[in-house]
Amino acid sequence: MPDDKKTLNIAHKILEYVQRLQNDRSAPPIPEDFADDEAFLNYHKKIIELRGVLTSLTRGDLSVPITEKGFISGLCKSLQANLRHMAWKVRQIETEHYDQHIDFLGELGASFNHMALRLKQTTEALAQKEQALVELASSLKDEVKKRSEVLQELKKSEQRYKYLAQRDSLTGLLNRRFFFSSAIMGLESAFTLKKACCVCMLDVDNFKKFNDTYGHLEGDRALQYVTAHSLSALRQTDIMGRYGGEEFIFLLTNIDESFAYAAVDRIRQSIENNTFTLENGNPVSITASIGASIILPGGDIDNLSEKLRVGIAHADTSLYKAKSQGKNQVCLSAEPIL
């Protein structure tokens, strides 16, 4: 009976030791009674290794070598191998190889397979949507380009029609209607500065005879010649338009009344002192007569159109006077308009 009690006591110590191996965070010390027992020490070593392996597996470290043999060690090796294979499969998915499948680890494997399949389906759907978006973006880009080109053409057409609506087609000068609106603004600007303006009417001398002699095509070229040399004698602030036929109209702004005649005569001299050359190379002299009137600042600024109308009438009268006195000269109205 005493031996049985001793054996039972040893068994209880072993059970207590095994329970501590299972339950304690740190491995328990070897009981003194078994400190020199080789079999017990080998068992202790195997259990400690298995504890280390299981600890590493729970932390995701699959690199710990398992050297012990036996059923439990084999299970640990199998679990480690399966987890390593699953990790490899995950890395394959990371490189966009979604056709991955595993036939182990039960519910975990089934969840992995479902995840891989959903990732594949989602990726394929996203790829299709991305391709659709790329095609849509390309289509929109083409549409935007086409619309942009159409808008550019419309802007060019608008500018062209606006230009044509404001300009004389032969000379490129302001047409009669647009000259008036531009001249009104020129008068308003000059009068704000308390400066005078000069309105002029120019008529090409003997133009009917010129057309009868050289033809209307040469007559058109002659009008372009008059335009070019008149513009060369003007300042940037001055305004020139085609009044009709061989008549041209000018508004010289911000001009000193005492120098008005000289400013107008520069236009006449520019036409006379240059040579017009026919298509056949022969030179022909072209001259012009100019009538002018001075419009002084003051009075009702809201009645500028009436001032301009009166100024044109005085300039026209002076033009006929220049014609009657021999042509190729400037006649300045003696009555400034207030």
C-alpha atoms as a PDB file:
ATOM      1  CA  MET A   1       0.000   0.000   0.000  1.00  0.00           C
ATOM      2  CA  PRO A   2       2.787   2.446   0.690  1.00  0.00           C
ATOM      3  CA  ASP A   3       4.267   1.747  -2.760  1.00  0.00           C
ATOM      4  CA  ASP A   4       0.857   2.328  -4.327  1.00  0.00           C
ATOM      5  CA  LYS A   5       0.615   5.677  -2.542  1.00  0.00           C
ATOM      6  CA  LYS A   6       4.055   6.651  -3.746  1.00  0.00           C
ATOM      7  CA  THR A   7       3.189   5.711  -7.324  1.00  0.00           C
ATOM      8  CA  LEU A   8      -0.016   7.695  -7.136  1.00  0.00           C
ATOM      9  CA  ASN A   9       1.887  10.683  -5.792  1.00  0.00           C
ATOM     10  CA  ILE A  10       4.345  10.497  -8.731  1.00  0.00           C
ATOM     11  CA  ALA A  11       1.443  10.216 -11.162  1.00  0.00           C
ATOM     12  CA  HIS A  12      -0.151  13.336  -9.642  1.00  0.00           C
ATOM     13  CA  LYS A  13       3.114  15.252 -10.028  1.00  0.00           C
ATOM     14  CA  ILE A  14       3.350  14.225 -13.690  1.00  0.00           C
ATOM     15  CA  LEU A  15      -0.288  15.219 -14.280  1.00  0.00           C
ATOM     16  CA  GLU A  16       0.319  18.549 -12.554  1.00  0.00           C
ATOM     17  CA  TYR A  17       3.383  19.113 -14.743  1.00  0.00           C
ATOM     18  CA  VAL A  18       1.470  18.220 -17.949  1.00  0.00           C
ATOM     19  CA  GLN A  19      -1.383  20.512 -16.991  1.00  0.00           C
ATOM     20  CA  ARG A  20       1.073  23.356 -16.411  1.00  0.00           C
ATOM     21  CA  LEU A  21       2.621  22.662 -19.834  1.00  0.00           C
ATOM     22  CA  GLN A  22      -0.858  22.962 -21.339  1.00  0.00           C
ATOM     23  CA  ASN A  23      -2.048  25.987 -19.367  1.00  0.00           C
ATOM     24  CA  ASP A  24       0.881  28.192 -18.319  1.00  0.00           C
ATOM     25  CA  ARG A  25       2.183  30.927 -20.621  1.00  0.00           C
ATOM     26  CA  SER A  26       5.768  30.079 -19.642  1.00  0.00           C
ATOM     27  CA  ALA A  27       7.056  26.509 -19.597  1.00  0.00           C
ATOM     28  CA  PRO A  28       7.151  25.142 -16.000  1.00  0.00           C
ATOM     29  CA  PRO A  29      10.448  23.949 -14.496  1.00  0.00           C
ATOM     30  CA  ILE A  30      11.188  20.245 -14.497  1.00  0.00           C
ATOM     31  CA  PRO A  31      10.181  18.692 -11.155  1.00  0.00           C
ATOM     32  CA  GLU A  32      13.170  17.762  -8.979  1.00  0.00           C
ATOM     33  CA  ASP A  33      12.128  14.129  -8.927  1.00  0.00           C
ATOM     34  CA  PHE A  34      12.652  13.924 -12.684  1.00  0.00           C
ATOM     35  CA  ALA A  35      15.624  16.207 -13.125  1.00  0.00           C
ATOM     36  CA  ASP A  36      17.919  13.300 -13.977  1.00  0.00           C
ATOM     37  CA  ASP A  37      15.373  11.156 -15.758  1.00  0.00           C
ATOM     38  CA  GLU A  38      16.383  10.969 -19.437  1.00  0.00           C
ATOM     39  CA  ALA A  39      12.944   9.833 -20.658  1.00  0.00           C
ATOM     40  CA  PHE A  40      11.257  12.673 -18.800  1.00  0.00           C
ATOM     41  CA  LEU A  41      13.807  15.161 -20.142  1.00  0.00           C
ATOM     42  CA  ASN A  42      13.222  13.976 -23.748  1.00  0.00           C
ATOM     43  CA  TYR A  43       9.472  14.317 -23.273  1.00  0.00           C
ATOM     44  CA  HIS A  44       9.960  17.810 -21.832  1.00  0.00           C
ATOM     45  CA  LYS A  45      12.090  18.797 -24.832  1.00  0.00           C
ATOM     46  CA  LYS A  46       9.499  17.501 -27.318  1.00  0.00           C
ATOM     47  CA  ILE A  47       6.630  19.287 -25.567  1.00  0.00           C
ATOM     48  CA  ILE A  48       8.581  22.567 -25.382  1.00  0.00           C
ATOM     49  CA  GLU A  49       9.333  22.355 -29.134  1.00  0.00           C
ATOM     50  CA  LEU A  50       5.678  21.695 -29.937  1.00  0.00           C
ATOM     51  CA  ARG A  51       4.693  24.671 -27.738  1.00  0.00           C
ATOM     52  CA  GLY A  52       7.138  26.831 -29.702  1.00  0.00           C
ATOM     53  CA  VAL A  53       5.806  25.554 -33.024  1.00  0.00           C
ATOM     54  CA  LEU A  54       2.183  26.211 -32.055  1.00  0.00           C
ATOM     55  CA  THR A  55       3.117  29.668 -30.723  1.00  0.00           C
ATOM     56  CA  SER A  56       4.846  30.512 -34.027  1.00  0.00           C
ATOM     57  CA  LEU A  57       1.892  29.228 -36.075  1.00  0.00           C
ATOM     58  CA  THR A  58      -0.558  31.341 -34.089  1.00  0.00           C
ATOM     59  CA  ARG A  59       1.657  34.379 -34.740  1.00  0.00           C
ATOM     60  CA  GLY A  60       1.781  33.669 -38.473  1.00  0.00           C
ATOM     61  CA  ASP A  61       5.421  32.563 -38.512  1.00  0.00           C
ATOM     62  CA  LEU A  62       5.529  29.498 -40.774  1.00  0.00           C
ATOM     63  CA  SER A  63       9.315  29.187 -40.889  1.00  0.00           C
ATOM     64  CA  VAL A  64       9.955  27.368 -37.579  1.00  0.00           C
ATOM     65  CA  PRO A  65      11.492  23.917 -38.272  1.00  0.00           C
ATOM     66  CA  ILE A  66       9.725  20.881 -36.738  1.00  0.00           C
ATOM     67  CA  THR A  67      12.291  18.194 -35.963  1.00  0.00           C
ATOM     68  CA  GLU A  68      10.308  15.987 -33.613  1.00  0.00           C
ATOM     69  CA  LYS A  69       8.422  12.983 -34.888  1.00  0.00           C
ATOM     70  CA  GLY A  70       5.134  11.549 -33.851  1.00  0.00           C
ATOM     71  CA  PHE A  71       1.444  12.025 -34.468  1.00  0.00           C
ATOM     72  CA  ILE A  72       1.089  15.520 -32.990  1.00  0.00           C
ATOM     73  CA  SER A  73       4.334  16.682 -34.612  1.00  0.00           C
ATOM     74  CA  GLY A  74       3.043  15.305 -37.906  1.00  0.00           C
ATOM     75  CA  LEU A  75      -0.180  17.225 -37.506  1.00  0.00           C
ATOM     76  CA  CYS A  76       1.804  20.397 -36.859  1.00  0.00           C
ATOM     77  CA  LYS A  77       3.948  19.747 -39.942  1.00  0.00           C
ATOM     78  CA  SER A  78       0.817  19.173 -42.054  1.00  0.00           C
ATOM     79  CA  LEU A  79      -0.822  22.342 -40.739  1.00  0.00           C
ATOM     80  CA  GLN A  80       2.374  24.305 -41.343  1.00  0.00           C
ATOM     81  CA  ALA A  81       2.654  22.974 -44.921  1.00  0.00           C
ATOM     82  CA  ASN A  82      -0.984  23.772 -45.667  1.00  0.00           C
ATOM     83  CA  LEU A  83      -0.644  27.302 -44.304  1.00  0.00           C
ATOM     84  CA  ARG A  84       2.532  27.820 -46.343  1.00  0.00           C
ATOM     85  CA  HIS A  85       0.714  26.649 -49.455  1.00  0.00           C
ATOM     86  CA  MET A  86      -2.187  28.985 -48.707  1.00  0.00           C
ATOM     87  CA  ALA A  87       0.272  31.875 -48.227  1.00  0.00           C
ATOM     88  CA  TRP A  88       1.754  31.056 -51.651  1.00  0.00           C
ATOM     89  CA  LYS A  89      -1.737  31.060 -53.150  1.00  0.00           C
ATOM     90  CA  VAL A  90      -2.369  34.485 -51.582  1.00  0.00           C
ATOM     91  CA  ARG A  91       0.849  35.812 -53.164  1.00  0.00           C
ATOM     92  CA  GLN A  92      -0.390  34.497 -56.500  1.00  0.00           C
ATOM     93  CA  ILE A  93      -3.589  36.476 -56.044  1.00  0.00           C
ATOM     94  CA  GLU A  94      -1.498  39.563 -55.212  1.00  0.00           C
ATOM     95  CA  THR A  95       0.088  39.240 -58.673  1.00  0.00           C
ATOM     96  CA  GLU A  96      -3.424  39.134 -60.218  1.00  0.00           C
ATOM     97  CA  HIS A  97      -3.514  35.368 -60.763  1.00  0.00           C
ATOM     98  CA  TYR A  98      -7.007  34.819 -59.425  1.00  0.00           C
ATOM     99  CA  ASP A  99      -7.516  31.193 -60.582  1.00  0.00           C
ATOM    100  CA  GLN A 100      -6.489  29.788 -57.191  1.00  0.00           C
ATOM    101  CA  HIS A 101      -8.140  26.856 -55.387  1.00  0.00           C
ATOM    102  CA  ILE A 102      -7.276  24.750 -52.355  1.00  0.00           C
ATOM    103  CA  ASP A 103      -8.752  21.427 -51.231  1.00  0.00           C
ATOM    104  CA  PHE A 104      -7.640  21.439 -47.605  1.00  0.00           C
ATOM    105  CA  LEU A 105      -8.235  23.254 -44.302  1.00  0.00           C
ATOM    106  CA  GLY A 106     -11.971  22.638 -44.516  1.00  0.00           C
ATOM    107  CA  GLU A 107     -14.056  25.759 -43.869  1.00  0.00           C
ATOM    108  CA  LEU A 108     -10.978  28.007 -44.093  1.00  0.00           C
ATOM    109  CA  GLY A 109     -10.136  26.557 -47.506  1.00  0.00           C
ATOM    110  CA  ALA A 110     -13.731  26.966 -48.675  1.00  0.00           C
ATOM    111  CA  SER A 111     -13.693  30.609 -47.565  1.00  0.00           C
ATOM    112  CA  PHE A 112     -10.417  31.134 -49.397  1.00  0.00           C
ATOM    113  CA  ASN A 113     -11.830  29.591 -52.582  1.00  0.00           C
ATOM    114  CA  HIS A 114     -14.944  31.775 -52.341  1.00  0.00           C
ATOM    115  CA  MET A 115     -12.791  34.874 -51.800  1.00  0.00           C
ATOM    116  CA  ALA A 116     -10.569  34.036 -54.785  1.00  0.00           C
ATOM    117  CA  LEU A 117     -13.613  33.479 -56.999  1.00  0.00           C
ATOM    118  CA  ARG A 118     -15.239  36.747 -55.924  1.00  0.00           C
ATOM    119  CA  LEU A 119     -11.964  38.601 -56.492  1.00  0.00           C
ATOM    120  CA  LYS A 120     -11.743  37.139 -59.982  1.00  0.00           C
ATOM    121  CA  GLN A 121     -15.330  38.059 -60.801  1.00  0.00           C
ATOM    122  CA  THR A 122     -14.946  41.560 -59.320  1.00  0.00           C
ATOM    123  CA  THR A 123     -11.678  42.154 -61.175  1.00  0.00           C
ATOM    124  CA  GLU A 124     -13.175  40.990 -64.461  1.00  0.00           C
ATOM    125  CA  ALA A 125     -16.201  43.236 -63.913  1.00  0.00           C
ATOM    126  CA  LEU A 126     -13.939  46.173 -63.056  1.00  0.00           C
ATOM    127  CA  ALA A 127     -11.818  45.480 -66.143  1.00  0.00           C
ATOM    128  CA  GLN A 128     -14.945  45.501 -68.304  1.00  0.00           C
ATOM    129  CA  LYS A 129     -16.118  48.753 -66.718  1.00  0.00           C
ATOM    130  CA  GLU A 130     -12.655  50.245 -67.094  1.00  0.00           C
ATOM    131  CA  GLN A 131     -12.611  49.298 -70.767  1.00  0.00           C
ATOM    132  CA  ALA A 132     -16.080  50.778 -71.179  1.00  0.00           C
ATOM    133  CA  LEU A 133     -14.901  53.959 -69.448  1.00  0.00           C
ATOM    134  CA  VAL A 134     -11.795  54.102 -71.669  1.00  0.00           C
ATOM    135  CA  GLU A 135     -13.961  53.720 -74.761  1.00  0.00           C
ATOM    136  CA  LEU A 136     -16.411  56.303 -73.412  1.00  0.00           C
ATOM    137  CA  ALA A 137     -13.551  58.700 -72.586  1.00  0.00           C
ATOM    138  CA  SER A 138     -12.126  58.210 -76.074  1.00  0.00           C
ATOM    139  CA  SER A 139     -15.542  58.805 -77.584  1.00  0.00           C
ATOM    140  CA  LEU A 140     -16.064  61.900 -75.442  1.00  0.00           C
ATOM    141  CA  LYS A 141     -12.593  63.143 -76.368  1.00  0.00           C
ATOM    142  CA  ASP A 142     -13.417  62.756 -80.054  1.00  0.00           C
ATOM    143  CA  GLU A 143     -16.769  64.456 -79.505  1.00  0.00           C
ATOM    144  CA  VAL A 144     -15.148  67.323 -77.577  1.00  0.00           C
ATOM    145  CA  LYS A 145     -12.560  67.676 -80.336  1.00  0.00           C
ATOM    146  CA  LYS A 146     -15.257  67.757 -83.008  1.00  0.00           C
ATOM    147  CA  ARG A 147     -17.317  70.278 -81.041  1.00  0.00           C
ATOM    148  CA  SER A 148     -14.232  72.372 -80.400  1.00  0.00           C
ATOM    149  CA  GLU A 149     -13.455  72.374 -84.116  1.00  0.00           C
ATOM    150  CA  VAL A 150     -17.055  73.317 -84.893  1.00  0.00           C
ATOM    151  CA  LEU A 151     -16.939  76.124 -82.308  1.00  0.00           C
ATOM    152  CA  GLN A 152     -13.661  77.379 -83.751  1.00  0.00           C
ATOM    153  CA  GLU A 153     -15.186  77.402 -87.207  1.00  0.00           C
ATOM    154  CA  LEU A 154     -18.268  79.164 -85.877  1.00  0.00           C
ATOM    155  CA  LYS A 155     -16.080  81.773 -84.179  1.00  0.00           C
ATOM    156  CA  LYS A 156     -14.115  82.253 -87.387  1.00  0.00           C
ATOM    157  CA  SER A 157     -17.349  82.521 -89.351  1.00  0.00           C
ATOM    158  CA  GLU A 158     -18.751  84.959 -86.793  1.00  0.00           C
ATOM    159  CA  GLN A 159     -15.599  87.072 -86.984  1.00  0.00           C
ATOM    160  CA  ARG A 160     -15.632  86.858 -90.780  1.00  0.00           C
ATOM    161  CA  TYR A 161     -19.299  87.854 -91.026  1.00  0.00           C
ATOM    162  CA  LYS A 162     -18.766  90.603 -88.475  1.00  0.00           C
ATOM    163  CA  TYR A 163     -15.811  91.869 -90.498  1.00  0.00           C
ATOM    164  CA  LEU A 164     -17.814  91.705 -93.721  1.00  0.00           C
ATOM    165  CA  ALA A 165     -20.724  93.492 -92.050  1.00  0.00           C
ATOM    166  CA  GLN A 166     -18.416  96.337 -91.029  1.00  0.00           C
ATOM    167  CA  ARG A 167     -16.024  96.520 -93.974  1.00  0.00           C
ATOM    168  CA  ASP A 168     -16.022  97.432 -97.615  1.00  0.00           C
ATOM    169  CA  SER A 169     -15.204  94.268 -99.566  1.00  0.00           C
ATOM    170  CA  LEU A 170     -12.909  95.985-102.103  1.00  0.00           C
ATOM    171  CA  THR A 171     -10.779  98.238 -99.912  1.00  0.00           C
ATOM    172  CA  GLY A 172     -11.177  96.664 -96.466  1.00  0.00           C
ATOM    173  CA  LEU A 173     -12.137 100.089 -95.074  1.00  0.00           C
ATOM    174  CA  LEU A 174     -15.047 100.701 -92.756  1.00  0.00           C
ATOM    175  CA  ASN A 175     -18.284 100.733 -94.701  1.00  0.00           C
ATOM    176  CA  ARG A 176     -20.485 103.790 -94.570  1.00  0.00           C
ATOM    177  CA  ARG A 177     -22.772 102.556 -91.805  1.00  0.00           C
ATOM    178  CA  PHE A 178     -20.008 101.380 -89.488  1.00  0.00           C
ATOM    179  CA  PHE A 179     -17.940 104.506 -90.149  1.00  0.00           C
ATOM    180  CA  PHE A 180     -20.721 106.603 -88.636  1.00  0.00           C
ATOM    181  CA  SER A 181     -20.889 104.576 -85.419  1.00  0.00           C
ATOM    182  CA  SER A 182     -17.078 104.599 -85.115  1.00  0.00           C
ATOM    183  CA  ALA A 183     -16.934 108.344 -85.812  1.00  0.00           C
ATOM    184  CA  ILE A 184     -19.495 109.047 -83.060  1.00  0.00           C
ATOM    185  CA  MET A 185     -17.232 107.267 -80.561  1.00  0.00           C
ATOM    186  CA  GLY A 186     -14.221 109.181 -81.910  1.00  0.00           C
ATOM    187  CA  LEU A 187     -16.003 112.507 -81.425  1.00  0.00           C
ATOM    188  CA  GLU A 188     -17.073 111.602 -77.886  1.00  0.00           C
ATOM    189  CA  SER A 189     -13.519 110.612 -76.944  1.00  0.00           C
ATOM    190  CA  ALA A 190     -12.017 113.801 -78.426  1.00  0.00           C
ATOM    191  CA  PHE A 191     -14.604 116.105 -76.890  1.00  0.00           C
ATOM    192  CA  THR A 192     -14.013 114.574 -73.479  1.00  0.00           C
ATOM    193  CA  LEU A 193     -10.428 115.839 -73.850  1.00  0.00           C
ATOM    194  CA  LYS A 194     -11.687 119.204 -75.167  1.00  0.00           C
ATOM    195  CA  LYS A 195     -10.071 118.511 -78.552  1.00  0.00           C
ATOM    196  CA  ALA A 196     -11.368 119.408 -82.027  1.00  0.00           C
ATOM    197  CA  CYS A 197     -11.989 116.935 -84.857  1.00  0.00           C
ATOM    198  CA  CYS A 198     -11.912 117.292 -88.626  1.00  0.00           C
ATOM    199  CA  VAL A 199     -14.275 115.466 -90.967  1.00  0.00           C
ATOM    200  CA  CYS A 200     -13.166 115.106 -94.619  1.00  0.00           C
ATOM    201  CA  MET A 201     -14.694 113.960 -97.877  1.00  0.00           C
ATOM    202  CA  LEU A 202     -12.295 112.740-100.605  1.00  0.00           C
ATOM    203  CA  ASP A 203     -13.169 112.194-104.244  1.00  0.00           C
ATOM    204  CA  VAL A 204     -10.797 110.649-106.803  1.00  0.00           C
ATOM    205  CA  ASP A 205     -10.328 113.129-109.658  1.00  0.00           C
ATOM    206  CA  ASN A 206     -11.533 112.142-113.138  1.00  0.00           C
ATOM    207  CA  PHE A 207     -12.371 108.635-112.003  1.00  0.00           C
ATOM    208  CA  LYS A 208     -15.086 108.029-114.630  1.00  0.00           C
ATOM    209  CA  LYS A 209     -12.607 108.899-117.378  1.00  0.00           C
ATOM    210  CA  PHE A 210     -10.046 106.579-115.719  1.00  0.00           C
ATOM    211  CA  ASN A 211     -12.539 103.674-115.780  1.00  0.00           C
ATOM    212  CA  ASP A 212     -13.528 104.400-119.366  1.00  0.00           C
ATOM    213  CA  THR A 213      -9.874 104.486-120.407  1.00  0.00           C
ATOM    214  CA  TYR A 214      -8.359 101.603-118.446  1.00  0.00           C
ATOM    215  CA  GLY A 215     -11.356  99.488-117.427  1.00  0.00           C
ATOM    216  CA  HIS A 216     -13.136  98.801-114.162  1.00  0.00           C
ATOM    217  CA  LEU A 217     -10.605  96.229-112.913  1.00  0.00           C
ATOM    218  CA  GLU A 218      -7.890  98.867-113.078  1.00  0.00           C
ATOM    219  CA  GLY A 219     -10.377 101.225-111.445  1.00  0.00           C
ATOM    220  CA  ASP A 220     -10.727  98.823-108.522  1.00  0.00           C
ATOM    221  CA  ARG A 221      -6.939  98.670-108.195  1.00  0.00           C
ATOM    222  CA  ALA A 222      -6.820 102.476-108.285  1.00  0.00           C
ATOM    223  CA  LEU A 223      -9.283 102.660-105.362  1.00  0.00           C
ATOM    224  CA  GLN A 224      -7.090 100.241-103.423  1.00  0.00           C
ATOM    225  CA  TYR A 225      -4.091 102.453-104.232  1.00  0.00           C
ATOM    226  CA  VAL A 226      -5.919 105.520-102.891  1.00  0.00           C
ATOM    227  CA  THR A 227      -6.858 103.565 -99.767  1.00  0.00           C
ATOM    228  CA  ALA A 228      -3.299 102.433 -99.057  1.00  0.00           C
ATOM    229  CA  HIS A 229      -1.690 105.846 -99.481  1.00  0.00           C
ATOM    230  CA  SER A 230      -4.438 107.626 -97.551  1.00  0.00           C
ATOM    231  CA  LEU A 231      -3.991 105.288 -94.622  1.00  0.00           C
ATOM    232  CA  SER A 232      -0.227 105.843 -94.682  1.00  0.00           C
ATOM    233  CA  ALA A 233      -0.849 109.571 -94.024  1.00  0.00           C
ATOM    234  CA  LEU A 234      -3.207 108.977 -91.086  1.00  0.00           C
ATOM    235  CA  ARG A 235      -2.557 108.469 -87.391  1.00  0.00           C
ATOM    236  CA  GLN A 236      -3.777 105.423 -85.481  1.00  0.00           C
ATOM    237  CA  THR A 237      -6.547 107.458 -83.870  1.00  0.00           C
ATOM    238  CA  ASP A 238      -7.914 108.667 -87.245  1.00  0.00           C
ATOM    239  CA  ILE A 239     -10.795 106.868 -88.943  1.00  0.00           C
ATOM    240  CA  MET A 240     -11.261 106.226 -92.670  1.00  0.00           C
ATOM    241  CA  GLY A 241     -14.185 104.680 -94.516  1.00  0.00           C
ATOM    242  CA  ARG A 242     -15.500 104.222 -98.027  1.00  0.00           C
ATOM    243  CA  TYR A 243     -18.450 106.503 -98.557  1.00  0.00           C
ATOM    244  CA  GLY A 244     -19.456 105.095-101.921  1.00  0.00           C
ATOM    245  CA  GLY A 245     -18.022 104.768-105.442  1.00  0.00           C
ATOM    246  CA  GLU A 246     -14.789 106.789-105.599  1.00  0.00           C
ATOM    247  CA  GLU A 247     -15.661 108.810-102.466  1.00  0.00           C
ATOM    248  CA  PHE A 248     -13.960 108.291 -99.113  1.00  0.00           C
ATOM    249  CA  ILE A 249     -14.671 109.787 -95.698  1.00  0.00           C
ATOM    250  CA  PHE A 250     -12.294 110.547 -92.795  1.00  0.00           C
ATOM    251  CA  LEU A 251     -12.480 111.678 -89.187  1.00  0.00           C
ATOM    252  CA  LEU A 252      -9.223 113.136 -87.866  1.00  0.00           C
ATOM    253  CA  THR A 253      -9.556 113.187 -84.074  1.00  0.00           C
ATOM    254  CA  ASN A 254      -7.795 115.251 -81.388  1.00  0.00           C
ATOM    255  CA  ILE A 255      -6.547 117.734 -83.957  1.00  0.00           C
ATOM    256  CA  ASP A 256      -5.420 121.315 -83.509  1.00  0.00           C
ATOM    257  CA  GLU A 257      -7.627 123.630 -85.603  1.00  0.00           C
ATOM    258  CA  SER A 258      -4.623 125.598 -86.860  1.00  0.00           C
ATOM    259  CA  PHE A 259      -2.963 122.468 -88.246  1.00  0.00           C
ATOM    260  CA  ALA A 260      -6.079 120.863 -89.713  1.00  0.00           C
ATOM    261  CA  TYR A 261      -5.372 121.971 -93.288  1.00  0.00           C
ATOM    262  CA  ALA A 262      -1.814 120.582 -93.219  1.00  0.00           C
ATOM    263  CA  ALA A 263      -3.031 117.252 -91.792  1.00  0.00           C
ATOM    264  CA  VAL A 264      -5.650 116.883 -94.522  1.00  0.00           C
ATOM    265  CA  ASP A 265      -3.260 117.959 -97.266  1.00  0.00           C
ATOM    266  CA  ARG A 266      -0.856 115.161 -96.276  1.00  0.00           C
ATOM    267  CA  ILE A 267      -3.508 112.712 -97.481  1.00  0.00           C
ATOM    268  CA  ARG A 268      -3.785 114.476-100.849  1.00  0.00           C
ATOM    269  CA  GLN A 269       0.011 114.640-101.248  1.00  0.00           C
ATOM    270  CA  SER A 270       0.453 110.966-100.392  1.00  0.00           C
ATOM    271  CA  ILE A 271      -1.878 110.043-103.266  1.00  0.00           C
ATOM    272  CA  GLU A 272      -0.328 112.519-105.735  1.00  0.00           C
ATOM    273  CA  ASN A 273       3.326 111.927-104.906  1.00  0.00           C
ATOM    274  CA  ASN A 274       3.219 108.158-105.380  1.00  0.00           C
ATOM    275  CA  THR A 275       2.854 106.474-108.741  1.00  0.00           C
ATOM    276  CA  PHE A 276       0.058 104.102-109.648  1.00  0.00           C
ATOM    277  CA  THR A 277       1.192 101.380-112.042  1.00  0.00           C
ATOM    278  CA  LEU A 278      -1.207  99.625-114.377  1.00  0.00           C
ATOM    279  CA  GLU A 279      -1.119  95.854-114.819  1.00  0.00           C
ATOM    280  CA  ASN A 280       0.819  96.376-118.054  1.00  0.00           C
ATOM    281  CA  GLY A 281       3.509  98.256-116.135  1.00  0.00           C
ATOM    282  CA  ASN A 282       2.675 101.752-117.371  1.00  0.00           C
ATOM    283  CA  PRO A 283       2.552 104.485-114.706  1.00  0.00           C
ATOM    284  CA  VAL A 284      -0.563 106.650-114.354  1.00  0.00           C
ATOM    285  CA  SER A 285      -0.997 109.773-112.235  1.00  0.00           C
ATOM    286  CA  ILE A 286      -3.896 109.731-109.764  1.00  0.00           C
ATOM    287  CA  THR A 287      -5.010 112.768-107.773  1.00  0.00           C
ATOM    288  CA  ALA A 288      -7.828 113.519-105.377  1.00  0.00           C
ATOM    289  CA  SER A 289      -9.805 116.509-104.156  1.00  0.00           C
ATOM    290  CA  ILE A 290     -10.709 116.853-100.476  1.00  0.00           C
ATOM    291  CA  GLY A 291     -13.270 118.941 -98.648  1.00  0.00           C
ATOM    292  CA  ALA A 292     -12.995 119.305 -94.881  1.00  0.00           C
ATOM    293  CA  SER A 293     -14.732 120.937 -91.923  1.00  0.00           C
ATOM    294  CA  ILE A 294     -13.763 121.434 -88.292  1.00  0.00           C
ATOM    295  CA  ILE A 295     -15.997 120.210 -85.458  1.00  0.00           C
ATOM    296  CA  LEU A 296     -15.212 121.988 -82.193  1.00  0.00           C
ATOM    297  CA  PRO A 297     -15.869 120.561 -78.717  1.00  0.00           C
ATOM    298  CA  GLY A 298     -18.739 122.031 -76.745  1.00  0.00           C
ATOM    299  CA  GLY A 299     -22.490 122.089 -76.872  1.00  0.00           C
ATOM    300  CA  ASP A 300     -24.660 119.082 -76.253  1.00  0.00           C
ATOM    301  CA  ILE A 301     -22.535 115.925 -76.256  1.00  0.00           C
ATOM    302  CA  ASP A 302     -25.692 113.833 -76.622  1.00  0.00           C
ATOM    303  CA  ASN A 303     -26.226 115.347 -80.086  1.00  0.00           C
ATOM    304  CA  LEU A 304     -22.987 114.085 -81.648  1.00  0.00           C
ATOM    305  CA  SER A 305     -24.737 112.394 -84.572  1.00  0.00           C
ATOM    306  CA  GLU A 306     -26.236 115.747 -85.609  1.00  0.00           C
ATOM    307  CA  LYS A 307     -22.837 117.433 -85.319  1.00  0.00           C
ATOM    308  CA  LEU A 308     -21.323 114.713 -87.482  1.00  0.00           C
ATOM    309  CA  ARG A 309     -24.122 115.057 -90.060  1.00  0.00           C
ATOM    310  CA  VAL A 310     -23.595 118.811 -90.278  1.00  0.00           C
ATOM    311  CA  GLY A 311     -19.829 118.361 -90.459  1.00  0.00           C
ATOM    312  CA  ILE A 312     -20.189 115.925 -93.380  1.00  0.00           C
ATOM    313  CA  ALA A 313     -22.518 118.339 -95.180  1.00  0.00           C
ATOM    314  CA  HIS A 314     -19.966 121.191 -94.806  1.00  0.00           C
ATOM    315  CA  ALA A 315     -17.144 118.906 -95.929  1.00  0.00           C
ATOM    316  CA  ASP A 316     -19.169 117.830 -98.952  1.00  0.00           C
ATOM    317  CA  THR A 317     -19.804 121.469 -99.896  1.00  0.00           C
ATOM    318  CA  SER A 318     -16.085 122.178 -99.548  1.00  0.00           C
ATOM    319  CA  LEU A 319     -15.314 119.158-101.753  1.00  0.00           C
ATOM    320  CA  TYR A 320     -17.415 120.534-104.588  1.00  0.00           C
ATOM    321  CA  LYS A 321     -15.626 123.838-104.135  1.00  0.00           C
ATOM    322  CA  ALA A 322     -12.237 122.090-104.452  1.00  0.00           C
ATOM    323  CA  LYS A 323     -13.469 120.366-107.619  1.00  0.00           C
ATOM    324  CA  SER A 324     -14.708 123.613-109.143  1.00  0.00           C
ATOM    325  CA  GLN A 325     -11.402 125.348-108.416  1.00  0.00           C
ATOM    326  CA  GLY A 326      -9.348 122.880-110.455  1.00  0.00           C
ATOM    327  CA  LYS A 327      -9.228 119.647-108.448  1.00  0.00           C
ATOM    328  CA  ASN A 328      -6.225 118.043-106.704  1.00  0.00           C
ATOM    329  CA  GLN A 329      -6.535 120.391-103.753  1.00  0.00           C
ATOM    330  CA  VAL A 330      -7.930 120.713-100.242  1.00  0.00           C
ATOM    331  CA  CYS A 331     -10.717 123.117 -99.412  1.00  0.00           C
ATOM    332  CA  LEU A 332     -11.380 123.699 -95.708  1.00  0.00           C
ATOM    333  CA  SER A 333     -14.785 125.032 -94.642  1.00  0.00           C
ATOM    334  CA  ALA A 334     -14.544 128.487 -93.121  1.00  0.00           C
ATOM    335  CA  GLU A 335     -17.326 127.737 -90.622  1.00  0.00           C
ATOM    336  CA  PRO A 336     -16.283 125.514 -87.694  1.00  0.00           C
ATOM    337  CA  ILE A 337     -19.161 123.546 -86.208  1.00  0.00           C
ATOM    338  CA  LEU A 338     -19.910 124.116 -82.522  1.00  0.00           C
END
